[in-house]
Amino acid sequence: VAAEQAAQRAAWKASLLGYANGKIPASALCGVSFDASVQLRCDAAESLEQLNTAYVAAFGTNMTISDSYRSYAGQVACRRTKGWLCAAPGTSNHGTGVAIDFGGGIESFGTKQFAWMKANAGQFSWEHPSWAERGGSKPEAWHWEYVG
């Protein structure tokens, strides 16, 4: 069973390699049970489900997601409205289906939710990139990436 699961995750990871950043069709992405707006690469979605289960055990509520997959048009709109907070269109990790922006307390440094994520997200292959750390080049407590 473990070998089959590993093979499935590898297939999901490879499944999006032929698509340009922000040009992934919805049919190639997966959602999560706790938020109908979320779209991610399927292995990232599966891992986010597991992370959310652990989060619910700790906080009694589902995670709050403010953004996941971002189409190229969405990246253009984000850059237009939020400026430097959004990557140049066609370069965003959101456009590859492996980035999440969180709310619900995770979006702020120093909260118990952010501290919990720092302590636990790695077990589920989610990380807070160094550039997004408080002292990083672009501090964004809310931005997390799937690295599985």
N, C-alpha and C. Protein backbone atom coordinates (compact mmCIF):
# COMPACT_ATOMS: atom_id res chain seq x y z
N VAL A 1 0.83 -1.20 0.00
CA VAL A 1 0.00 0.00 0.00
C VAL A 1 0.87 1.26 0.00
N ALA A 2 1.93 1.28 0.80
CA ALA A 2 2.81 2.45 0.86
C ALA A 2 3.46 2.70 -0.49
N ALA A 3 3.85 1.63 -1.18
CA ALA A 3 4.47 1.79 -2.50
C ALA A 3 3.47 2.35 -3.50
N GLU A 4 2.22 1.90 -3.41
CA GLU A 4 1.18 2.41 -4.30
C GLU A 4 0.93 3.89 -4.03
N GLN A 5 0.90 4.28 -2.76
CA GLN A 5 0.69 5.69 -2.41
C GLN A 5 1.85 6.55 -2.91
N ALA A 6 3.06 6.06 -2.75
CA ALA A 6 4.24 6.80 -3.23
C ALA A 6 4.19 6.96 -4.74
N ALA A 7 3.79 5.92 -5.43
CA ALA A 7 3.68 5.98 -6.89
C ALA A 7 2.61 6.97 -7.31
N GLN A 8 1.50 6.99 -6.59
CA GLN A 8 0.42 7.93 -6.90
C GLN A 8 0.89 9.36 -6.71
N ARG A 9 1.60 9.63 -5.59
CA ARG A 9 2.10 10.99 -5.34
C ARG A 9 3.09 11.41 -6.41
N ALA A 10 3.96 10.49 -6.83
CA ALA A 10 4.93 10.80 -7.89
C ALA A 10 4.22 11.11 -9.20
N ALA A 11 3.15 10.38 -9.48
CA ALA A 11 2.37 10.62 -10.70
C ALA A 11 1.70 11.98 -10.64
N TRP A 12 1.16 12.34 -9.48
CA TRP A 12 0.53 13.66 -9.34
C TRP A 12 1.56 14.76 -9.54
N LYS A 13 2.75 14.58 -8.96
CA LYS A 13 3.80 15.58 -9.09
C LYS A 13 4.17 15.78 -10.56
N ALA A 14 4.30 14.67 -11.29
CA ALA A 14 4.67 14.73 -12.70
C ALA A 14 3.53 15.22 -13.58
N SER A 15 2.30 15.08 -13.12
CA SER A 15 1.13 15.36 -13.95
C SER A 15 1.03 16.80 -14.42
N LEU A 16 1.64 17.73 -13.71
CA LEU A 16 1.51 19.15 -14.06
C LEU A 16 2.75 19.70 -14.76
N LEU A 17 3.75 18.87 -14.97
CA LEU A 17 5.02 19.35 -15.52
C LEU A 17 4.89 19.93 -16.92
N GLY A 18 3.91 19.51 -17.69
CA GLY A 18 3.75 20.02 -19.05
C GLY A 18 3.01 21.34 -19.15
N TYR A 19 2.54 21.85 -18.02
CA TYR A 19 1.76 23.09 -18.04
C TYR A 19 2.60 24.29 -17.64
N ALA A 20 2.41 25.40 -18.31
CA ALA A 20 3.08 26.64 -17.94
C ALA A 20 2.49 27.17 -16.63
N ASN A 21 3.27 27.96 -15.93
CA ASN A 21 2.85 28.58 -14.69
C ASN A 21 1.56 29.37 -14.92
N GLY A 22 0.53 29.02 -14.15
CA GLY A 22 -0.75 29.71 -14.24
C GLY A 22 -1.66 29.22 -15.36
N LYS A 23 -1.24 28.19 -16.08
CA LYS A 23 -2.01 27.68 -17.22
C LYS A 23 -2.49 26.25 -17.00
N ILE A 24 -2.63 25.84 -15.76
CA ILE A 24 -3.08 24.49 -15.43
C ILE A 24 -4.60 24.43 -15.47
N PRO A 25 -5.17 23.51 -16.24
CA PRO A 25 -6.64 23.42 -16.27
C PRO A 25 -7.19 22.90 -14.94
N ALA A 26 -8.37 23.34 -14.60
CA ALA A 26 -9.00 22.93 -13.34
C ALA A 26 -9.10 21.41 -13.25
N SER A 27 -9.28 20.74 -14.38
CA SER A 27 -9.42 19.28 -14.38
C SER A 27 -8.15 18.57 -13.93
N ALA A 28 -7.00 19.27 -13.94
CA ALA A 28 -5.73 18.66 -13.53
C ALA A 28 -5.40 18.97 -12.07
N LEU A 29 -6.24 19.77 -11.41
CA LEU A 29 -6.02 20.15 -10.02
C LEU A 29 -7.00 19.43 -9.11
N CYS A 30 -6.71 19.42 -7.81
CA CYS A 30 -7.59 18.77 -6.84
C CYS A 30 -8.00 19.77 -5.76
N GLY A 31 -9.13 19.52 -5.18
CA GLY A 31 -9.63 20.35 -4.09
C GLY A 31 -9.44 19.67 -2.75
N VAL A 32 -9.95 20.32 -1.72
CA VAL A 32 -9.93 19.76 -0.37
C VAL A 32 -11.35 19.78 0.18
N SER A 33 -11.61 18.90 1.13
CA SER A 33 -12.98 18.74 1.65
C SER A 33 -13.45 19.93 2.48
N PHE A 34 -12.54 20.67 3.08
CA PHE A 34 -12.94 21.71 4.03
C PHE A 34 -13.04 23.11 3.45
N ASP A 35 -12.69 23.27 2.14
CA ASP A 35 -12.78 24.59 1.51
C ASP A 35 -12.94 24.39 0.01
N ALA A 36 -14.12 24.64 -0.50
CA ALA A 36 -14.43 24.38 -1.92
C ALA A 36 -13.65 25.28 -2.88
N SER A 37 -13.08 26.38 -2.39
CA SER A 37 -12.37 27.28 -3.29
C SER A 37 -10.92 26.86 -3.55
N VAL A 38 -10.40 25.93 -2.78
CA VAL A 38 -9.00 25.54 -2.90
C VAL A 38 -8.77 24.65 -4.11
N GLN A 39 -7.73 24.98 -4.89
CA GLN A 39 -7.27 24.14 -5.99
C GLN A 39 -5.75 24.02 -5.86
N LEU A 40 -5.26 22.78 -5.88
CA LEU A 40 -3.84 22.52 -5.73
C LEU A 40 -3.43 21.33 -6.59
N ARG A 41 -2.12 21.16 -6.77
CA ARG A 41 -1.63 19.92 -7.33
C ARG A 41 -2.14 18.82 -6.41
N CYS A 42 -2.50 17.67 -6.95
CA CYS A 42 -3.22 16.66 -6.16
C CYS A 42 -2.45 16.15 -4.96
N ASP A 43 -1.13 15.98 -5.05
CA ASP A 43 -0.38 15.54 -3.88
C ASP A 43 -0.36 16.62 -2.80
N ALA A 44 -0.31 17.88 -3.20
CA ALA A 44 -0.36 18.98 -2.23
C ALA A 44 -1.73 19.03 -1.55
N ALA A 45 -2.79 18.80 -2.32
CA ALA A 45 -4.14 18.79 -1.75
C ALA A 45 -4.30 17.66 -0.74
N GLU A 46 -3.79 16.48 -1.07
CA GLU A 46 -3.87 15.34 -0.16
C GLU A 46 -3.13 15.66 1.14
N SER A 47 -1.95 16.25 1.02
CA SER A 47 -1.17 16.61 2.19
C SER A 47 -1.85 17.70 3.02
N LEU A 48 -2.46 18.67 2.33
CA LEU A 48 -3.17 19.73 3.04
C LEU A 48 -4.35 19.16 3.83
N GLU A 49 -5.02 18.16 3.29
CA GLU A 49 -6.10 17.49 4.04
C GLU A 49 -5.56 16.92 5.35
N GLN A 50 -4.40 16.27 5.29
CA GLN A 50 -3.79 15.67 6.48
C GLN A 50 -3.35 16.75 7.47
N LEU A 51 -2.76 17.83 6.95
CA LEU A 51 -2.35 18.95 7.79
C LEU A 51 -3.57 19.56 8.48
N ASN A 52 -4.65 19.71 7.74
CA ASN A 52 -5.87 20.28 8.32
C ASN A 52 -6.42 19.39 9.43
N THR A 53 -6.36 18.08 9.25
CA THR A 53 -6.84 17.16 10.30
C THR A 53 -6.06 17.40 11.59
N ALA A 54 -4.75 17.54 11.48
CA ALA A 54 -3.92 17.81 12.66
C ALA A 54 -4.24 19.19 13.25
N TYR A 55 -4.48 20.15 12.38
CA TYR A 55 -4.82 21.51 12.81
C TYR A 55 -6.15 21.51 13.58
N VAL A 56 -7.13 20.79 13.06
CA VAL A 56 -8.43 20.69 13.73
C VAL A 56 -8.26 20.08 15.12
N ALA A 57 -7.40 19.06 15.22
CA ALA A 57 -7.14 18.43 16.52
C ALA A 57 -6.54 19.43 17.51
N ALA A 58 -5.73 20.35 17.00
CA ALA A 58 -5.08 21.34 17.86
C ALA A 58 -5.97 22.53 18.18
N PHE A 59 -6.78 22.99 17.21
CA PHE A 59 -7.51 24.25 17.37
C PHE A 59 -9.04 24.12 17.32
N GLY A 60 -9.54 22.96 16.93
CA GLY A 60 -10.99 22.76 16.91
C GLY A 60 -11.70 23.41 15.74
N THR A 61 -10.95 23.86 14.75
CA THR A 61 -11.54 24.49 13.57
C THR A 61 -10.67 24.21 12.36
N ASN A 62 -11.30 24.24 11.19
CA ASN A 62 -10.54 24.05 9.96
C ASN A 62 -9.61 25.22 9.71
N MET A 63 -8.59 24.96 8.92
CA MET A 63 -7.69 26.02 8.49
C MET A 63 -8.46 26.99 7.60
N THR A 64 -8.02 28.23 7.59
CA THR A 64 -8.60 29.26 6.73
C THR A 64 -7.63 29.50 5.58
N ILE A 65 -8.11 29.32 4.36
CA ILE A 65 -7.29 29.51 3.17
C ILE A 65 -7.76 30.78 2.46
N SER A 66 -6.83 31.69 2.18
CA SER A 66 -7.22 32.90 1.45
C SER A 66 -6.84 32.81 -0.03
N ASP A 67 -5.89 31.92 -0.38
CA ASP A 67 -5.52 31.77 -1.79
C ASP A 67 -4.80 30.43 -1.98
N SER A 68 -4.97 29.84 -3.14
CA SER A 68 -4.25 28.60 -3.48
C SER A 68 -3.75 28.75 -4.91
N TYR A 69 -4.16 27.84 -5.83
CA TYR A 69 -3.73 27.97 -7.22
C TYR A 69 -4.15 29.33 -7.76
N ARG A 70 -3.24 29.96 -8.49
CA ARG A 70 -3.54 31.26 -9.09
C ARG A 70 -3.24 31.17 -10.58
N SER A 71 -4.28 31.34 -11.40
CA SER A 71 -4.11 31.32 -12.86
C SER A 71 -3.23 32.49 -13.29
N TYR A 72 -2.77 32.45 -14.53
CA TYR A 72 -1.95 33.55 -15.05
C TYR A 72 -2.74 34.86 -14.97
N ALA A 73 -4.00 34.82 -15.38
CA ALA A 73 -4.83 36.03 -15.29
C ALA A 73 -4.97 36.48 -13.84
N GLY A 74 -5.10 35.54 -12.93
CA GLY A 74 -5.16 35.86 -11.51
C GLY A 74 -3.87 36.49 -11.01
N GLN A 75 -2.73 36.01 -11.55
CA GLN A 75 -1.44 36.59 -11.18
C GLN A 75 -1.32 38.03 -11.68
N VAL A 76 -1.82 38.27 -12.90
CA VAL A 76 -1.81 39.63 -13.45
C VAL A 76 -2.66 40.55 -12.57
N ALA A 77 -3.85 40.08 -12.22
CA ALA A 77 -4.75 40.88 -11.38
C ALA A 77 -4.14 41.12 -10.00
N CYS A 78 -3.51 40.10 -9.44
CA CYS A 78 -2.88 40.23 -8.13
C CYS A 78 -1.78 41.28 -8.18
N ARG A 79 -0.94 41.22 -9.18
CA ARG A 79 0.16 42.19 -9.31
C ARG A 79 -0.38 43.61 -9.48
N ARG A 80 -1.47 43.73 -10.24
CA ARG A 80 -2.07 45.04 -10.49
C ARG A 80 -2.65 45.63 -9.20
N THR A 81 -3.29 44.79 -8.38
CA THR A 81 -3.95 45.30 -7.18
C THR A 81 -3.07 45.32 -5.94
N LYS A 82 -2.12 44.37 -5.83
CA LYS A 82 -1.30 44.28 -4.62
C LYS A 82 0.17 44.62 -4.83
N GLY A 83 0.55 44.92 -6.07
CA GLY A 83 1.92 45.34 -6.35
C GLY A 83 2.96 44.30 -5.99
N TRP A 84 4.01 44.75 -5.30
CA TRP A 84 5.16 43.90 -4.98
C TRP A 84 4.81 42.69 -4.12
N LEU A 85 3.64 42.69 -3.47
CA LEU A 85 3.24 41.53 -2.67
C LEU A 85 2.99 40.31 -3.55
N CYS A 86 2.74 40.52 -4.82
CA CYS A 86 2.51 39.41 -5.75
C CYS A 86 3.70 39.27 -6.69
N ALA A 87 4.07 38.03 -6.94
CA ALA A 87 5.19 37.75 -7.85
C ALA A 87 4.85 38.23 -9.26
N ALA A 88 5.88 38.42 -10.05
CA ALA A 88 5.67 38.77 -11.46
C ALA A 88 4.84 37.66 -12.11
N PRO A 89 3.82 38.02 -12.88
CA PRO A 89 2.98 37.00 -13.52
C PRO A 89 3.82 35.98 -14.29
N GLY A 90 3.46 34.71 -14.08
CA GLY A 90 4.18 33.62 -14.72
C GLY A 90 5.32 33.08 -13.88
N THR A 91 5.55 33.68 -12.69
CA THR A 91 6.63 33.21 -11.81
C THR A 91 6.15 32.80 -10.42
N SER A 92 4.87 32.97 -10.13
CA SER A 92 4.35 32.70 -8.80
C SER A 92 4.28 31.20 -8.51
N ASN A 93 4.66 30.82 -7.28
CA ASN A 93 4.48 29.42 -6.85
C ASN A 93 3.01 29.06 -6.80
N HIS A 94 2.14 30.05 -6.67
CA HIS A 94 0.70 29.78 -6.72
C HIS A 94 0.31 29.25 -8.10
N GLY A 95 1.04 29.65 -9.13
CA GLY A 95 0.74 29.23 -10.50
C GLY A 95 1.14 27.82 -10.83
N THR A 96 1.83 27.14 -9.89
CA THR A 96 2.19 25.74 -10.08
C THR A 96 1.36 24.81 -9.20
N GLY A 97 0.45 25.38 -8.43
CA GLY A 97 -0.46 24.57 -7.62
C GLY A 97 0.15 24.03 -6.34
N VAL A 98 1.22 24.67 -5.82
CA VAL A 98 1.86 24.17 -4.61
C VAL A 98 2.00 25.23 -3.51
N ALA A 99 1.31 26.35 -3.65
CA ALA A 99 1.40 27.41 -2.63
C ALA A 99 0.03 27.74 -2.07
N ILE A 100 0.03 28.06 -0.79
CA ILE A 100 -1.20 28.43 -0.08
C ILE A 100 -0.94 29.72 0.67
N ASP A 101 -1.93 30.59 0.70
CA ASP A 101 -1.93 31.73 1.61
C ASP A 101 -2.99 31.42 2.65
N PHE A 102 -2.60 31.49 3.92
CA PHE A 102 -3.49 31.15 5.02
C PHE A 102 -4.02 32.40 5.72
N GLY A 103 -5.16 32.24 6.37
CA GLY A 103 -5.72 33.23 7.28
C GLY A 103 -5.88 32.56 8.63
N GLY A 104 -6.88 32.96 9.38
CA GLY A 104 -7.23 32.29 10.63
C GLY A 104 -6.17 32.34 11.71
N GLY A 105 -5.30 33.34 11.66
CA GLY A 105 -4.24 33.46 12.65
C GLY A 105 -2.88 33.08 12.09
N ILE A 106 -2.84 32.17 11.13
CA ILE A 106 -1.58 31.75 10.53
C ILE A 106 -0.93 32.91 9.78
N GLU A 107 -1.73 33.86 9.33
CA GLU A 107 -1.23 34.96 8.50
C GLU A 107 -0.42 36.00 9.27
N SER A 108 -0.28 35.82 10.57
CA SER A 108 0.45 36.80 11.39
C SER A 108 1.56 36.13 12.18
N PHE A 109 2.76 36.72 12.10
CA PHE A 109 3.87 36.24 12.91
C PHE A 109 3.51 36.41 14.39
N GLY A 110 3.96 35.48 15.21
CA GLY A 110 3.77 35.61 16.65
C GLY A 110 2.48 35.05 17.20
N THR A 111 1.60 34.51 16.35
CA THR A 111 0.36 33.93 16.85
C THR A 111 0.57 32.46 17.20
N LYS A 112 -0.33 31.91 18.01
CA LYS A 112 -0.22 30.49 18.34
C LYS A 112 -0.43 29.63 17.09
N GLN A 113 -1.25 30.09 16.15
CA GLN A 113 -1.48 29.33 14.93
C GLN A 113 -0.23 29.29 14.05
N PHE A 114 0.46 30.43 13.93
CA PHE A 114 1.69 30.46 13.15
C PHE A 114 2.76 29.58 13.81
N ALA A 115 2.88 29.68 15.12
CA ALA A 115 3.85 28.85 15.85
C ALA A 115 3.54 27.36 15.66
N TRP A 116 2.27 27.01 15.69
CA TRP A 116 1.88 25.61 15.46
C TRP A 116 2.31 25.16 14.07
N MET A 117 2.07 26.01 13.06
CA MET A 117 2.48 25.67 11.70
C MET A 117 3.99 25.48 11.62
N LYS A 118 4.76 26.37 12.20
CA LYS A 118 6.21 26.24 12.17
C LYS A 118 6.64 24.91 12.80
N ALA A 119 5.96 24.49 13.85
CA ALA A 119 6.32 23.26 14.56
C ALA A 119 5.82 22.00 13.86
N ASN A 120 4.73 22.09 13.10
CA ASN A 120 4.07 20.88 12.60
C ASN A 120 3.96 20.73 11.09
N ALA A 121 3.98 21.81 10.33
CA ALA A 121 3.72 21.74 8.90
C ALA A 121 4.73 20.87 8.15
N GLY A 122 5.97 20.88 8.59
CA GLY A 122 7.01 20.10 7.93
C GLY A 122 6.73 18.61 7.89
N GLN A 123 6.02 18.11 8.90
CA GLN A 123 5.65 16.69 8.92
C GLN A 123 4.76 16.32 7.73
N PHE A 124 4.13 17.32 7.14
CA PHE A 124 3.20 17.12 6.04
C PHE A 124 3.75 17.71 4.72
N SER A 125 5.05 17.99 4.73
CA SER A 125 5.77 18.52 3.55
C SER A 125 5.37 19.94 3.18
N TRP A 126 4.92 20.72 4.15
CA TRP A 126 4.64 22.15 3.94
C TRP A 126 5.71 22.95 4.66
N GLU A 127 6.23 23.98 4.00
CA GLU A 127 7.24 24.82 4.63
C GLU A 127 6.95 26.30 4.41
N HIS A 128 7.50 27.06 5.32
CA HIS A 128 7.44 28.52 5.22
C HIS A 128 8.79 28.93 4.64
N PRO A 129 8.83 29.41 3.39
CA PRO A 129 10.12 29.70 2.76
C PRO A 129 10.91 30.79 3.49
N SER A 130 12.23 30.71 3.40
CA SER A 130 13.08 31.65 4.12
C SER A 130 12.81 33.10 3.72
N TRP A 131 12.51 33.34 2.44
CA TRP A 131 12.23 34.72 2.02
C TRP A 131 10.98 35.30 2.67
N ALA A 132 10.07 34.41 3.11
CA ALA A 132 8.81 34.85 3.71
C ALA A 132 8.89 34.98 5.24
N GLU A 133 10.02 34.62 5.82
CA GLU A 133 10.19 34.75 7.27
C GLU A 133 10.19 36.22 7.68
N ARG A 134 10.00 36.44 8.96
CA ARG A 134 9.93 37.80 9.50
C ARG A 134 11.12 38.65 9.04
N GLY A 135 12.31 38.10 9.01
CA GLY A 135 13.50 38.84 8.59
C GLY A 135 13.88 38.60 7.14
N GLY A 136 13.00 37.95 6.37
CA GLY A 136 13.30 37.62 4.99
C GLY A 136 13.13 38.80 4.05
N SER A 137 13.39 38.55 2.78
CA SER A 137 13.34 39.62 1.79
C SER A 137 11.92 40.12 1.53
N LYS A 138 10.92 39.29 1.82
CA LYS A 138 9.53 39.67 1.59
C LYS A 138 8.68 38.99 2.67
N PRO A 139 8.68 39.50 3.89
CA PRO A 139 7.99 38.83 5.00
C PRO A 139 6.50 38.61 4.73
N GLU A 140 6.11 37.36 4.66
CA GLU A 140 4.71 36.97 4.44
C GLU A 140 4.42 35.77 5.33
N ALA A 141 3.91 36.02 6.51
CA ALA A 141 3.59 34.92 7.43
C ALA A 141 2.59 33.94 6.81
N TRP A 142 1.71 34.46 5.99
CA TRP A 142 0.59 33.70 5.43
C TRP A 142 1.00 32.72 4.33
N HIS A 143 2.14 32.90 3.69
CA HIS A 143 2.52 32.13 2.50
C HIS A 143 3.29 30.86 2.88
N TRP A 144 2.76 29.71 2.46
CA TRP A 144 3.38 28.41 2.73
C TRP A 144 3.42 27.62 1.42
N GLU A 145 4.43 26.75 1.29
CA GLU A 145 4.61 25.99 0.05
C GLU A 145 4.74 24.50 0.34
N TYR A 146 4.13 23.72 -0.54
CA TYR A 146 4.25 22.26 -0.47
C TYR A 146 5.55 21.86 -1.15
N VAL A 147 6.36 21.09 -0.47
CA VAL A 147 7.68 20.71 -0.99
C VAL A 147 7.84 19.20 -1.16
N GLY A 148 6.74 18.46 -1.11
CA GLY A 148 6.79 17.00 -1.20
C GLY A 148 7.13 16.51 -2.59
